[in-house]
């Protein structure tokens, strides 16, 4: 990976968590709808996963998730969050 691209994406990663907090209500609404539409879908692809809020949601519902993002630090943060939640085998 181009190191300049990685550095730029890592800077985005640091701001990602703070930027999604004001929209938590919308995410909760989406998850409720996802729960109705995607019952036991088995496997999800989370493209542009960021720090994995949606990936973690699906994994908590016993779905396997393949998560990708341009930022290595976002993927690392998702990996850490999945470990903390006991979901590393699901993502």
N, C-alpha and C. Protein backbone atom coordinates (compact mmCIF):
# COMPACT_ATOMS: atom_id res chain seq x y z
N UNK A 1 0.85 -1.18 0.00
CA UNK A 1 0.00 0.00 0.00
C UNK A 1 0.89 1.23 0.00
N UNK A 2 0.49 2.21 -0.70
CA UNK A 2 1.19 3.48 -0.73
C UNK A 2 1.19 4.09 0.67
N UNK A 3 2.37 4.38 1.21
CA UNK A 3 2.44 4.89 2.59
C UNK A 3 1.74 6.23 2.75
N UNK A 4 1.77 7.07 1.73
CA UNK A 4 1.08 8.35 1.81
C UNK A 4 -0.43 8.13 1.92
N UNK A 5 -0.96 7.18 1.16
CA UNK A 5 -2.38 6.84 1.24
C UNK A 5 -2.71 6.29 2.62
N UNK A 6 -1.87 5.42 3.14
CA UNK A 6 -2.11 4.84 4.46
C UNK A 6 -2.12 5.90 5.54
N UNK A 7 -1.18 6.84 5.49
CA UNK A 7 -1.14 7.90 6.49
C UNK A 7 -2.38 8.76 6.44
N UNK A 8 -2.85 9.09 5.25
CA UNK A 8 -4.06 9.88 5.13
C UNK A 8 -5.26 9.15 5.67
N UNK A 9 -5.36 7.86 5.41
CA UNK A 9 -6.48 7.09 5.90
C UNK A 9 -6.42 6.90 7.41
N UNK A 10 -5.22 6.78 7.97
CA UNK A 10 -5.10 6.65 9.41
C UNK A 10 -5.57 7.92 10.12
N UNK A 11 -5.33 9.06 9.51
CA UNK A 11 -5.83 10.32 10.08
C UNK A 11 -7.36 10.32 10.08
N UNK A 12 -7.94 9.78 9.01
CA UNK A 12 -9.39 9.67 8.95
C UNK A 12 -9.90 8.74 10.05
N UNK A 13 -9.18 7.66 10.29
CA UNK A 13 -9.57 6.69 11.31
C UNK A 13 -9.70 7.33 12.68
N UNK A 14 -8.79 8.22 13.01
CA UNK A 14 -8.82 8.87 14.32
C UNK A 14 -10.07 9.71 14.52
N UNK A 15 -10.59 10.26 13.45
CA UNK A 15 -11.78 11.11 13.55
C UNK A 15 -13.07 10.32 13.34
N UNK A 16 -12.96 9.09 12.88
CA UNK A 16 -14.15 8.31 12.52
C UNK A 16 -15.11 8.12 13.69
N UNK A 17 -14.61 7.68 14.81
CA UNK A 17 -15.48 7.40 15.95
C UNK A 17 -16.25 8.64 16.39
N UNK A 18 -15.55 9.73 16.52
CA UNK A 18 -16.20 10.98 16.95
C UNK A 18 -17.22 11.45 15.93
N UNK A 19 -16.95 11.23 14.67
CA UNK A 19 -17.85 11.73 13.63
C UNK A 19 -19.17 10.96 13.57
N UNK A 20 -19.19 9.71 14.01
CA UNK A 20 -20.44 8.94 13.92
C UNK A 20 -21.31 9.06 15.16
N UNK A 21 -20.79 9.60 16.23
CA UNK A 21 -21.55 9.68 17.47
C UNK A 21 -22.84 10.49 17.37
N UNK A 22 -22.87 11.64 16.71
CA UNK A 22 -24.13 12.39 16.63
C UNK A 22 -25.24 11.64 15.88
N UNK A 23 -24.88 10.66 15.07
CA UNK A 23 -25.85 9.93 14.26
C UNK A 23 -26.20 8.56 14.84
N UNK A 24 -25.95 8.35 16.13
CA UNK A 24 -26.24 7.05 16.75
C UNK A 24 -27.71 6.69 16.61
N UNK A 25 -28.60 7.66 16.70
CA UNK A 25 -30.03 7.38 16.59
C UNK A 25 -30.37 6.79 15.22
N UNK A 26 -29.73 7.32 14.17
CA UNK A 26 -29.99 6.83 12.82
C UNK A 26 -29.45 5.41 12.66
N UNK A 27 -28.28 5.16 13.21
CA UNK A 27 -27.70 3.82 13.15
C UNK A 27 -28.62 2.82 13.86
N UNK A 28 -29.18 3.20 14.99
CA UNK A 28 -30.11 2.32 15.72
C UNK A 28 -31.34 2.00 14.87
N UNK A 29 -31.83 3.01 14.16
CA UNK A 29 -32.98 2.79 13.26
C UNK A 29 -32.61 1.83 12.13
N UNK A 30 -31.43 2.02 11.54
CA UNK A 30 -30.98 1.13 10.47
C UNK A 30 -30.83 -0.30 10.98
N UNK A 31 -30.23 -0.46 12.15
CA UNK A 31 -30.04 -1.80 12.69
C UNK A 31 -31.37 -2.50 12.95
N UNK A 32 -32.35 -1.73 13.41
CA UNK A 32 -33.67 -2.33 13.63
C UNK A 32 -34.23 -2.83 12.30
N UNK A 33 -34.10 -2.03 11.25
CA UNK A 33 -34.58 -2.42 9.93
C UNK A 33 -33.77 -3.59 9.37
N UNK A 34 -32.45 -3.55 9.55
CA UNK A 34 -31.61 -4.66 9.10
C UNK A 34 -32.04 -5.96 9.77
N UNK A 35 -32.37 -5.88 11.06
CA UNK A 35 -32.80 -7.07 11.79
C UNK A 35 -34.04 -7.71 11.21
N UNK A 36 -34.90 -6.90 10.64
CA UNK A 36 -36.12 -7.41 10.00
C UNK A 36 -35.81 -7.96 8.61
N UNK A 37 -35.01 -7.22 7.84
CA UNK A 37 -34.73 -7.60 6.46
C UNK A 37 -33.77 -8.77 6.31
N UNK A 38 -32.79 -8.83 7.20
CA UNK A 38 -31.70 -9.80 7.03
C UNK A 38 -31.64 -10.79 8.19
N UNK A 39 -32.67 -11.55 8.37
CA UNK A 39 -32.68 -12.53 9.44
C UNK A 39 -31.83 -13.73 9.03
N UNK A 40 -30.83 -13.99 9.81
CA UNK A 40 -29.94 -15.15 9.61
C UNK A 40 -29.43 -15.26 8.18
N UNK A 41 -28.85 -14.19 7.70
CA UNK A 41 -28.33 -14.16 6.34
C UNK A 41 -27.01 -14.93 6.23
N UNK A 42 -26.43 -15.32 7.34
CA UNK A 42 -25.22 -16.12 7.40
C UNK A 42 -23.93 -15.33 7.17
N UNK A 43 -23.85 -14.53 6.11
CA UNK A 43 -22.58 -13.87 5.81
C UNK A 43 -22.86 -12.49 5.20
N UNK A 44 -22.19 -11.48 5.76
CA UNK A 44 -22.32 -10.12 5.26
C UNK A 44 -20.96 -9.61 4.83
N UNK A 45 -20.96 -8.71 3.86
CA UNK A 45 -19.75 -8.00 3.44
C UNK A 45 -19.94 -6.54 3.82
N UNK A 46 -19.06 -6.05 4.67
CA UNK A 46 -19.11 -4.65 5.10
C UNK A 46 -17.97 -3.93 4.39
N UNK A 47 -18.32 -3.27 3.29
CA UNK A 47 -17.34 -2.57 2.46
C UNK A 47 -17.24 -1.13 2.96
N UNK A 48 -16.01 -0.69 3.23
CA UNK A 48 -15.82 0.63 3.84
C UNK A 48 -16.26 0.58 5.29
N UNK A 49 -15.84 -0.45 6.00
CA UNK A 49 -16.35 -0.75 7.34
C UNK A 49 -15.95 0.24 8.41
N UNK A 50 -14.95 1.06 8.15
CA UNK A 50 -14.49 1.99 9.19
C UNK A 50 -14.04 1.20 10.41
N UNK A 51 -14.47 1.61 11.59
CA UNK A 51 -14.07 0.90 12.81
C UNK A 51 -15.04 -0.22 13.16
N UNK A 52 -15.98 -0.52 12.25
CA UNK A 52 -16.76 -1.73 12.36
C UNK A 52 -18.05 -1.71 13.14
N UNK A 53 -18.67 -0.57 13.29
CA UNK A 53 -19.93 -0.53 14.04
C UNK A 53 -20.96 -1.49 13.46
N UNK A 54 -21.13 -1.47 12.15
CA UNK A 54 -22.11 -2.35 11.53
C UNK A 54 -21.64 -3.81 11.55
N UNK A 55 -20.36 -4.04 11.33
CA UNK A 55 -19.82 -5.40 11.39
C UNK A 55 -20.09 -6.02 12.76
N UNK A 56 -19.86 -5.27 13.80
CA UNK A 56 -20.10 -5.76 15.15
C UNK A 56 -21.58 -6.05 15.38
N UNK A 57 -22.45 -5.20 14.87
CA UNK A 57 -23.89 -5.43 14.99
C UNK A 57 -24.26 -6.79 14.40
N UNK A 58 -23.84 -7.03 13.16
CA UNK A 58 -24.18 -8.29 12.52
C UNK A 58 -23.55 -9.48 13.24
N UNK A 59 -22.31 -9.35 13.67
CA UNK A 59 -21.65 -10.44 14.39
C UNK A 59 -22.37 -10.76 15.70
N UNK A 60 -22.86 -9.74 16.39
CA UNK A 60 -23.61 -9.98 17.62
C UNK A 60 -24.90 -10.76 17.36
N UNK A 61 -25.40 -10.66 16.14
CA UNK A 61 -26.61 -11.39 15.75
C UNK A 61 -26.29 -12.74 15.10
N UNK A 62 -25.09 -13.23 15.38
CA UNK A 62 -24.64 -14.54 14.92
C UNK A 62 -24.45 -14.66 13.42
N UNK A 63 -24.17 -13.55 12.76
CA UNK A 63 -23.86 -13.58 11.33
C UNK A 63 -22.36 -13.41 11.15
N UNK A 64 -21.81 -14.11 10.18
CA UNK A 64 -20.39 -13.94 9.86
C UNK A 64 -20.23 -12.70 8.98
N UNK A 65 -19.13 -11.99 9.16
CA UNK A 65 -18.91 -10.73 8.47
C UNK A 65 -17.51 -10.69 7.86
N UNK A 66 -17.44 -10.30 6.60
CA UNK A 66 -16.16 -9.98 5.97
C UNK A 66 -16.13 -8.46 5.86
N UNK A 67 -15.16 -7.85 6.53
CA UNK A 67 -15.08 -6.39 6.60
C UNK A 67 -13.81 -5.91 5.92
N UNK A 68 -13.96 -4.90 5.07
CA UNK A 68 -12.79 -4.31 4.40
C UNK A 68 -12.85 -2.80 4.49
N UNK A 69 -11.67 -2.19 4.49
CA UNK A 69 -11.55 -0.74 4.51
C UNK A 69 -10.19 -0.38 3.96
N UNK A 70 -10.05 0.81 3.41
CA UNK A 70 -8.76 1.27 2.90
C UNK A 70 -7.77 1.56 4.02
N UNK A 71 -8.26 1.85 5.21
CA UNK A 71 -7.39 2.24 6.32
C UNK A 71 -7.03 1.03 7.18
N UNK A 72 -5.76 0.74 7.24
CA UNK A 72 -5.28 -0.35 8.08
C UNK A 72 -5.59 -0.10 9.54
N UNK A 73 -5.50 1.15 9.99
CA UNK A 73 -5.76 1.43 11.40
C UNK A 73 -7.24 1.22 11.75
N UNK A 74 -8.14 1.47 10.80
CA UNK A 74 -9.55 1.19 11.07
C UNK A 74 -9.78 -0.31 11.22
N UNK A 75 -9.16 -1.09 10.36
CA UNK A 75 -9.27 -2.55 10.45
C UNK A 75 -8.69 -3.03 11.78
N UNK A 76 -7.56 -2.49 12.18
CA UNK A 76 -6.96 -2.86 13.46
C UNK A 76 -7.88 -2.50 14.62
N UNK A 77 -8.52 -1.35 14.54
CA UNK A 77 -9.45 -0.94 15.59
C UNK A 77 -10.65 -1.89 15.63
N UNK A 78 -11.17 -2.26 14.47
CA UNK A 78 -12.27 -3.23 14.42
C UNK A 78 -11.82 -4.55 15.02
N UNK A 79 -10.64 -5.01 14.69
CA UNK A 79 -10.13 -6.26 15.25
C UNK A 79 -10.07 -6.19 16.78
N UNK A 80 -9.59 -5.08 17.31
CA UNK A 80 -9.52 -4.90 18.76
C UNK A 80 -10.92 -4.92 19.37
N UNK A 81 -11.86 -4.19 18.76
CA UNK A 81 -13.23 -4.15 19.28
C UNK A 81 -13.87 -5.54 19.23
N UNK A 82 -13.63 -6.29 18.17
CA UNK A 82 -14.18 -7.64 18.06
C UNK A 82 -13.61 -8.54 19.15
N UNK A 83 -12.32 -8.41 19.44
CA UNK A 83 -11.71 -9.19 20.53
C UNK A 83 -12.34 -8.84 21.86
N UNK A 84 -12.51 -7.54 22.12
CA UNK A 84 -13.10 -7.10 23.37
C UNK A 84 -14.53 -7.63 23.56
N UNK A 85 -15.24 -7.77 22.45
CA UNK A 85 -16.64 -8.23 22.49
C UNK A 85 -16.75 -9.76 22.38
N UNK A 86 -15.61 -10.45 22.24
CA UNK A 86 -15.65 -11.89 22.09
C UNK A 86 -16.19 -12.33 20.74
N UNK A 87 -16.02 -11.49 19.72
CA UNK A 87 -16.58 -11.76 18.39
C UNK A 87 -15.52 -11.96 17.31
N UNK A 88 -14.25 -12.12 17.72
CA UNK A 88 -13.20 -12.18 16.69
C UNK A 88 -13.37 -13.32 15.71
N UNK A 89 -14.01 -14.40 16.08
CA UNK A 89 -14.23 -15.50 15.16
C UNK A 89 -15.36 -15.25 14.18
N UNK A 90 -16.14 -14.22 14.40
CA UNK A 90 -17.29 -13.91 13.55
C UNK A 90 -16.95 -12.89 12.46
N UNK A 91 -15.89 -12.12 12.65
CA UNK A 91 -15.53 -11.05 11.71
C UNK A 91 -14.18 -11.37 11.10
